[in-house]
C-alpha atoms as a PDB file:
ATOM      1  CA  UNK A   1       0.063  -0.034  -0.123  1.00  0.00           C
ATOM      2  CA  UNK A   2       1.326   3.492  -0.940  1.00  0.00           C
ATOM      3  CA  UNK A   3       0.328   6.582   1.105  1.00  0.00           C
ATOM      4  CA  UNK A   4       0.675  10.300   0.522  1.00  0.00           C
ATOM      5  CA  UNK A   5       2.432  12.133   3.039  1.00  0.00           C
ATOM      6  CA  UNK A   6      -0.383  13.924   4.161  1.00  0.00           C
ATOM      7  CA  UNK A   7      -2.258  10.668   4.776  1.00  0.00           C
ATOM      8  CA  UNK A   8      -5.358  11.781   2.513  1.00  0.00           C
ATOM      9  CA  UNK A   9      -4.934   8.819   0.116  1.00  0.00           C
ATOM     10  CA  UNK A  10      -3.638   5.576  -0.133  1.00  0.00           C
ATOM     11  CA  UNK A  11      -3.108   3.060  -3.074  1.00  0.00           C
ATOM     12  CA  UNK A  12      -3.213  -0.554  -3.389  1.00  0.00           C
ATOM     13  CA  UNK A  13      -0.606  -2.100  -5.877  1.00  0.00           C
ATOM     14  CA  UNK A  14      -0.681  -5.695  -6.806  1.00  0.00           C
ATOM     15  CA  UNK A  15       1.504  -7.626  -9.391  1.00  0.00           C
ATOM     16  CA  UNK A  16      -0.566  -8.772 -12.484  1.00  0.00           C
ATOM     17  CA  UNK A  17      -3.053 -11.536 -12.087  1.00  0.00           C
ATOM     18  CA  UNK A  18      -3.194 -11.263  -7.958  1.00  0.00           C
ATOM     19  CA  UNK A  19      -6.255 -12.586  -7.005  1.00  0.00           C
ATOM     20  CA  UNK A  20      -6.919  -9.807  -4.856  1.00  0.00           C
ATOM     21  CA  UNK A  21      -7.597  -7.469  -7.929  1.00  0.00           C
ATOM     22  CA  UNK A  22     -10.667  -9.714  -8.608  1.00  0.00           C
ATOM     23  CA  UNK A  23     -11.780  -9.551  -5.086  1.00  0.00           C
ATOM     24  CA  UNK A  24     -11.790  -5.798  -5.263  1.00  0.00           C
ATOM     25  CA  UNK A  25     -13.744  -5.804  -8.344  1.00  0.00           C
ATOM     26  CA  UNK A  26     -16.124  -8.137  -7.060  1.00  0.00           C
ATOM     27  CA  UNK A  27     -16.728  -6.204  -3.991  1.00  0.00           C
ATOM     28  CA  UNK A  28     -17.077  -2.916  -5.978  1.00  0.00           C
ATOM     29  CA  UNK A  29     -19.617  -4.905  -8.438  1.00  0.00           C
ATOM     30  CA  UNK A  30     -21.693  -6.236  -5.632  1.00  0.00           C
ATOM     31  CA  UNK A  31     -21.497  -3.006  -3.587  1.00  0.00           C
ATOM     32  CA  UNK A  32     -23.055  -1.045  -6.828  1.00  0.00           C
ATOM     33  CA  UNK A  33     -25.831  -3.664  -7.382  1.00  0.00           C
ATOM     34  CA  UNK A  34     -26.710  -4.545  -3.949  1.00  0.00           C
ATOM     35  CA  UNK A  35     -28.247  -2.316  -1.712  1.00  0.00           C
ATOM     36  CA  UNK A  36     -28.436  -4.425   1.541  1.00  0.00           C
ATOM     37  CA  UNK A  37     -24.803  -4.818   1.380  1.00  0.00           C
ATOM     38  CA  UNK A  38     -24.303  -1.305   0.316  1.00  0.00           C
ATOM     39  CA  UNK A  39     -26.039  -0.005   3.301  1.00  0.00           C
ATOM     40  CA  UNK A  40     -24.478  -2.467   5.670  1.00  0.00           C
ATOM     41  CA  UNK A  41     -20.923  -1.608   4.460  1.00  0.00           C
ATOM     42  CA  UNK A  42     -21.714   2.359   4.490  1.00  0.00           C
ATOM     43  CA  UNK A  43     -22.929   1.790   8.079  1.00  0.00           C
ATOM     44  CA  UNK A  44     -19.832  -0.111   9.406  1.00  0.00           C
ATOM     45  CA  UNK A  45     -17.767   2.569   7.790  1.00  0.00           C
ATOM     46  CA  UNK A  46     -19.822   5.495   9.167  1.00  0.00           C
ATOM     47  CA  UNK A  47     -19.100   3.740  12.464  1.00  0.00           C
ATOM     48  CA  UNK A  48     -15.372   3.466  11.951  1.00  0.00           C
ATOM     49  CA  UNK A  49     -15.239   7.196  10.929  1.00  0.00           C
ATOM     50  CA  UNK A  50     -16.154   8.199  14.431  1.00  0.00           C
ATOM     51  CA  UNK A  51     -12.786   6.824  15.910  1.00  0.00           C
ATOM     52  CA  UNK A  52      -9.220   7.916  15.356  1.00  0.00           C
ATOM     53  CA  UNK A  53      -6.761   5.593  13.763  1.00  0.00           C
ATOM     54  CA  UNK A  54      -3.220   5.644  14.384  1.00  0.00           C
ATOM     55  CA  UNK A  55      -2.636   2.656  12.103  1.00  0.00           C
ATOM     56  CA  UNK A  56      -4.738   1.681   9.060  1.00  0.00           C
ATOM     57  CA  UNK A  57      -4.207  -1.824   9.405  1.00  0.00           C
ATOM     58  CA  UNK A  58      -6.309  -1.648  12.712  1.00  0.00           C
ATOM     59  CA  UNK A  59      -9.042   0.030  10.782  1.00  0.00           C
ATOM     60  CA  UNK A  60      -8.918  -2.557   7.736  1.00  0.00           C
ATOM     61  CA  UNK A  61      -9.129  -5.156  10.475  1.00  0.00           C
ATOM     62  CA  UNK A  62     -12.392  -3.550  12.093  1.00  0.00           C
ATOM     63  CA  UNK A  63     -14.131  -3.718   9.327  1.00  0.00           C
ATOM     64  CA  UNK A  64     -13.106  -7.105   8.066  1.00  0.00           C
ATOM     65  CA  UNK A  65     -16.429  -8.973   9.455  1.00  0.00           C
ATOM     66  CA  UNK A  66     -18.389  -6.877   6.912  1.00  0.00           C
ATOM     67  CA  UNK A  67     -15.920  -7.003   3.858  1.00  0.00           C
ATOM     68  CA  UNK A  68     -15.670 -10.893   4.346  1.00  0.00           C
ATOM     69  CA  UNK A  69     -19.656 -11.398   4.228  1.00  0.00           C
ATOM     70  CA  UNK A  70     -19.883  -8.873   1.037  1.00  0.00           C
ATOM     71  CA  UNK A  71     -16.895 -10.651  -0.645  1.00  0.00           C
ATOM     72  CA  UNK A  72     -18.678 -13.973  -0.113  1.00  0.00           C
ATOM     73  CA  UNK A  73     -21.907 -12.792  -1.857  1.00  0.00           C
ATOM     74  CA  UNK A  74     -19.885 -11.206  -4.607  1.00  0.00           C
ATOM     75  CA  UNK A  75     -17.966 -14.576  -5.022  1.00  0.00           C
ATOM     76  CA  UNK A  76     -21.179 -16.352  -5.319  1.00  0.00           C
ATOM     77  CA  UNK A  77     -23.151 -14.022  -7.408  1.00  0.00           C
ATOM     78  CA  UNK A  78     -19.848 -13.781  -9.802  1.00  0.00           C
ATOM     79  CA  UNK A  79     -19.971 -17.714 -10.194  1.00  0.00           C
ATOM     80  CA  UNK A  80     -23.836 -17.751 -10.855  1.00  0.00           C
ATOM     81  CA  UNK A  81     -24.655 -18.980  -7.496  1.00  0.00           C
ATOM     82  CA  UNK A  82     -27.391 -17.816  -5.115  1.00  0.00           C
ATOM     83  CA  UNK A  83     -25.491 -16.756  -1.869  1.00  0.00           C
ATOM     84  CA  UNK A  84     -27.364 -16.541   1.495  1.00  0.00           C
ATOM     85  CA  UNK A  85     -26.220 -14.898   4.586  1.00  0.00           C
ATOM     86  CA  UNK A  86     -27.421 -15.317   8.254  1.00  0.00           C
ATOM     87  CA  UNK A  87     -30.660 -13.407   7.518  1.00  0.00           C
ATOM     88  CA  UNK A  88     -31.765 -15.680   4.576  1.00  0.00           C
ATOM     89  CA  UNK A  89     -31.330 -12.830   1.914  1.00  0.00           C
ATOM     90  CA  UNK A  90     -29.818 -13.912  -1.378  1.00  0.00           C
ATOM     91  CA  UNK A  91     -27.908 -12.130  -4.054  1.00  0.00           C
ATOM     92  CA  UNK A  92     -30.157 -13.539  -6.673  1.00  0.00           C
ATOM     93  CA  UNK A  93     -31.617 -10.151  -7.367  1.00  0.00           C
ATOM     94  CA  UNK A  94     -28.457  -8.637  -8.441  1.00  0.00           C
ATOM     95  CA  UNK A  95     -27.847  -8.259 -12.489  1.00  0.00           C
ATOM     96  CA  UNK A  96     -25.541 -10.648 -13.897  1.00  0.00           C
ATOM     97  CA  UNK A  97     -21.861  -9.640 -13.604  1.00  0.00           C
ATOM     98  CA  UNK A  98     -20.523  -8.057 -16.896  1.00  0.00           C
ATOM     99  CA  UNK A  99     -17.134  -9.181 -18.113  1.00  0.00           C
ATOM    100  CA  UNK A 100     -14.499  -6.359 -17.736  1.00  0.00           C
ATOM    101  CA  UNK A 101     -12.026  -5.355 -20.171  1.00  0.00           C
ATOM    102  CA  UNK A 102      -8.624  -5.665 -18.649  1.00  0.00           C
ATOM    103  CA  UNK A 103      -6.944  -2.642 -17.315  1.00  0.00           C
ATOM    104  CA  UNK A 104      -4.587  -0.640 -19.441  1.00  0.00           C
ATOM    105  CA  UNK A 105      -1.381   0.957 -17.925  1.00  0.00           C
ATOM    106  CA  UNK A 106      -1.544   4.426 -16.747  1.00  0.00           C
ATOM    107  CA  UNK A 107       1.388   6.505 -18.936  1.00  0.00           C
ATOM    108  CA  UNK A 108       0.408   9.933 -17.566  1.00  0.00           C
ATOM    109  CA  UNK A 109      -0.270  11.191 -20.957  1.00  0.00           C
ATOM    110  CA  UNK A 110      -3.653  12.253 -22.421  1.00  0.00           C
ATOM    111  CA  UNK A 111      -5.528  10.145 -25.092  1.00  0.00           C
ATOM    112  CA  UNK A 112      -6.309  13.254 -26.902  1.00  0.00           C
ATOM    113  CA  UNK A 113      -4.200  14.033 -29.944  1.00  0.00           C
END
Protein backbone atom coordinates (compact mmCIF):
# COMPACT_ATOMS: atom_id res chain seq x y z
CA UNK A 1 0.00 0.00 0.00
CA UNK A 2 1.31 3.44 -0.89
CA UNK A 3 0.31 6.51 1.14
CA UNK A 4 0.71 10.20 0.56
CA UNK A 5 2.76 12.19 3.12
CA UNK A 6 -0.46 14.04 4.05
CA UNK A 7 -2.12 10.67 4.75
CA UNK A 8 -5.14 11.79 2.77
CA UNK A 9 -5.10 8.89 0.30
CA UNK A 10 -3.63 5.47 -0.16
CA UNK A 11 -3.17 3.21 -3.13
CA UNK A 12 -3.09 -0.58 -3.19
CA UNK A 13 -0.68 -2.02 -5.75
CA UNK A 14 -0.70 -5.67 -6.80
CA UNK A 15 1.23 -7.66 -9.34
CA UNK A 16 -0.48 -8.76 -12.52
CA UNK A 17 -2.76 -11.73 -11.92
CA UNK A 18 -2.98 -11.28 -8.14
CA UNK A 19 -6.22 -12.69 -6.71
CA UNK A 20 -6.86 -9.51 -4.75
CA UNK A 21 -7.56 -7.66 -7.99
CA UNK A 22 -10.64 -9.78 -8.74
CA UNK A 23 -11.68 -9.58 -5.09
CA UNK A 24 -11.69 -5.77 -5.23
CA UNK A 25 -13.65 -5.81 -8.50
CA UNK A 26 -16.17 -8.30 -7.13
CA UNK A 27 -16.58 -6.29 -3.94
CA UNK A 28 -17.06 -3.09 -5.94
CA UNK A 29 -19.57 -4.67 -8.31
CA UNK A 30 -21.61 -6.22 -5.51
CA UNK A 31 -21.70 -2.92 -3.60
CA UNK A 32 -22.81 -1.12 -6.76
CA UNK A 33 -25.70 -3.50 -7.38
CA UNK A 34 -26.83 -4.74 -3.96
CA UNK A 35 -28.46 -2.12 -1.75
CA UNK A 36 -28.50 -4.26 1.42
CA UNK A 37 -24.78 -5.02 1.22
CA UNK A 38 -24.01 -1.40 0.31
CA UNK A 39 -26.04 -0.11 3.27
CA UNK A 40 -24.37 -2.59 5.64
CA UNK A 41 -20.89 -1.61 4.38
CA UNK A 42 -21.69 2.11 4.61
CA UNK A 43 -23.02 1.75 8.16
CA UNK A 44 -19.83 -0.02 9.24
CA UNK A 45 -17.65 2.66 7.64
CA UNK A 46 -19.69 5.44 9.31
CA UNK A 47 -19.30 3.70 12.67
CA UNK A 48 -15.54 3.37 12.18
CA UNK A 49 -15.20 6.97 10.97
CA UNK A 50 -16.11 8.16 14.47
CA UNK A 51 -12.85 6.73 15.82
CA UNK A 52 -9.25 7.91 15.49
CA UNK A 53 -7.02 5.42 13.68
CA UNK A 54 -3.28 5.66 14.22
CA UNK A 55 -2.71 2.54 12.14
CA UNK A 56 -4.71 1.83 8.97
CA UNK A 57 -4.22 -1.89 9.57
CA UNK A 58 -6.36 -1.58 12.70
CA UNK A 59 -9.07 0.17 10.68
CA UNK A 60 -8.92 -2.53 8.01
CA UNK A 61 -9.22 -5.32 10.58
CA UNK A 62 -12.16 -3.55 12.22
CA UNK A 63 -14.20 -3.80 9.01
CA UNK A 64 -13.06 -7.31 8.06
CA UNK A 65 -16.31 -9.01 9.15
CA UNK A 66 -18.41 -6.90 6.77
CA UNK A 67 -15.92 -7.14 3.91
CA UNK A 68 -15.72 -10.94 4.24
CA UNK A 69 -19.53 -11.23 4.16
CA UNK A 70 -19.96 -8.92 1.14
CA UNK A 71 -17.09 -10.60 -0.67
CA UNK A 72 -18.71 -14.01 -0.11
CA UNK A 73 -21.90 -12.67 -1.69
CA UNK A 74 -19.90 -11.17 -4.54
CA UNK A 75 -17.99 -14.38 -5.25
CA UNK A 76 -21.17 -16.45 -5.27
CA UNK A 77 -22.82 -13.90 -7.55
CA UNK A 78 -19.85 -13.94 -9.92
CA UNK A 79 -20.00 -17.76 -10.01
CA UNK A 80 -23.74 -17.66 -10.72
CA UNK A 81 -24.72 -19.20 -7.40
CA UNK A 82 -27.24 -17.94 -4.90
CA UNK A 83 -25.41 -16.68 -1.83
CA UNK A 84 -27.34 -16.60 1.41
CA UNK A 85 -26.50 -14.71 4.55
CA UNK A 86 -27.58 -15.34 8.14
CA UNK A 87 -30.83 -13.42 7.51
CA UNK A 88 -31.75 -15.68 4.60
CA UNK A 89 -31.20 -12.89 2.07
CA UNK A 90 -29.79 -13.92 -1.29
CA UNK A 91 -27.82 -12.16 -3.99
CA UNK A 92 -30.19 -13.54 -6.63
CA UNK A 93 -31.61 -10.06 -7.22
CA UNK A 94 -28.30 -8.82 -8.56
CA UNK A 95 -27.94 -8.42 -12.32
CA UNK A 96 -25.56 -10.85 -13.97
CA UNK A 97 -21.91 -9.78 -13.71
CA UNK A 98 -20.49 -8.04 -16.75
CA UNK A 99 -17.06 -9.23 -17.90
CA UNK A 100 -14.63 -6.36 -17.57
CA UNK A 101 -11.99 -5.43 -20.06
CA UNK A 102 -8.44 -5.79 -18.87
CA UNK A 103 -7.07 -2.62 -17.33
CA UNK A 104 -4.53 -0.67 -19.33
CA UNK A 105 -1.40 0.83 -17.91
CA UNK A 106 -1.41 4.51 -16.97
CA UNK A 107 1.24 6.42 -18.90
CA UNK A 108 0.54 9.87 -17.51
CA UNK A 109 -0.31 11.14 -20.98
CA UNK A 110 -3.69 12.18 -22.29
CA UNK A 111 -5.26 10.05 -25.00
CA UNK A 112 -6.32 13.18 -26.88
CA UNK A 113 -4.29 14.07 -29.94
